[in-house]
């Protein structure tokens, strides 16, 4: 008999992916250049030349059995050392290779981190607005995801609601900064307050509470924004990273878990991740991309276009009367819809070939997300469609 739980999930696919498919099909009708597709967070800038050269050199000079053979369970030792050295240089925390576990993107990192610090029935808190795939990431592990309502004034943490919801069942707090979908970066003040509460609650409950920090947008931070490294504020932190956005390689599926060296049982968490892989079939990412990225860990693609696009959209949206908290990073903006039903608004936007993601699946009603990782020229052309949408429908 097939699994009815997963069969039922096919009736509720990802809203983001469904809109992306719609945009592609619409593009076949009118030309994709005429579809203003703000649905999917797919990086739009090229990979660094050095990464391309590294891959070519590896393929031309390395023995194929080495290059394409199995990596050790925690990942390639060269890649793990390169990541640890980079984090130590950048953030002043003494990571070693023993604190790094290579994964298939940030999703794989979260999947392992969750299983390291929870057992079935334990609770994990996250903060709205949040990435909707956290639901299967957490709930399919046997843990239970609880969502703290949003502070829509700033999209920083709603601490009043958080302190109401945290309990002795809480084993971890999952945060995402810079944030998808809001684009907001948690400030030093926010992270210090979060760390203070968790430190107090650990003592009160008599068990550790971990921060699982989802950080794929760590490098996409705009000028003048306070963007602190989460692990510097709280010892029991597992950083979950992906090179998908910083190096524009989402299809290569490479990331890692970085265990704060001061965390409880820090020396055992990577070996635990190896055992978790046995139960999930993970078995580490591709050898070639690990070795190539190891040569580029301190680099990024040219990410400046995202700030350019954000400024164009923020200026236009606010001039049209949208309420918007200005993003501090990522390539997302999260305006308030001009009517309470964001799904209805997004359907109206389709008439103007604007593909906008309604906010309901992000844990907040009445907003919409725009992923502006598209060419600036296309962002500028989309402004007329936004104006027509507002003039004709509202």
Foldseek 3Di string as FASTA:
>chain_A
DDDVVVVVCVVPDDLLVVLVVVLVVVCVVVNSLQFAAQRDQFFQFAFDPLLVVLLVCCVVPPDPCVQFPADPLQGNLLLLQLLQVVCCVPAVFNFHSLQKGKFQALLRALLLVLLLFDAAAAEEEEEFLADLCVCCSNVVRNYYYDYQYAPVVARQHPVVSVVVPDDLSAQEYEYEAVGPAALAGHAPVSLLVVQVVQVVVCVVNVHHYAYEYEYAFLPFFDPPDHHHDNCVRHQRYWYRYGLCAFRSCSVQRIIIIGHRPSHVPSSCSSVSSSVVCVVVVGSHGGSSSSSSCSVVVVHGGPNVVLVVLQVVVVVLCVVLPWDWNRRRGDNKTKTFAPDQAQVVLQVLLVVLSHHWAASVSSVDTRIIMGRRSHDSVSSVVCSVSVVCSSVVPD
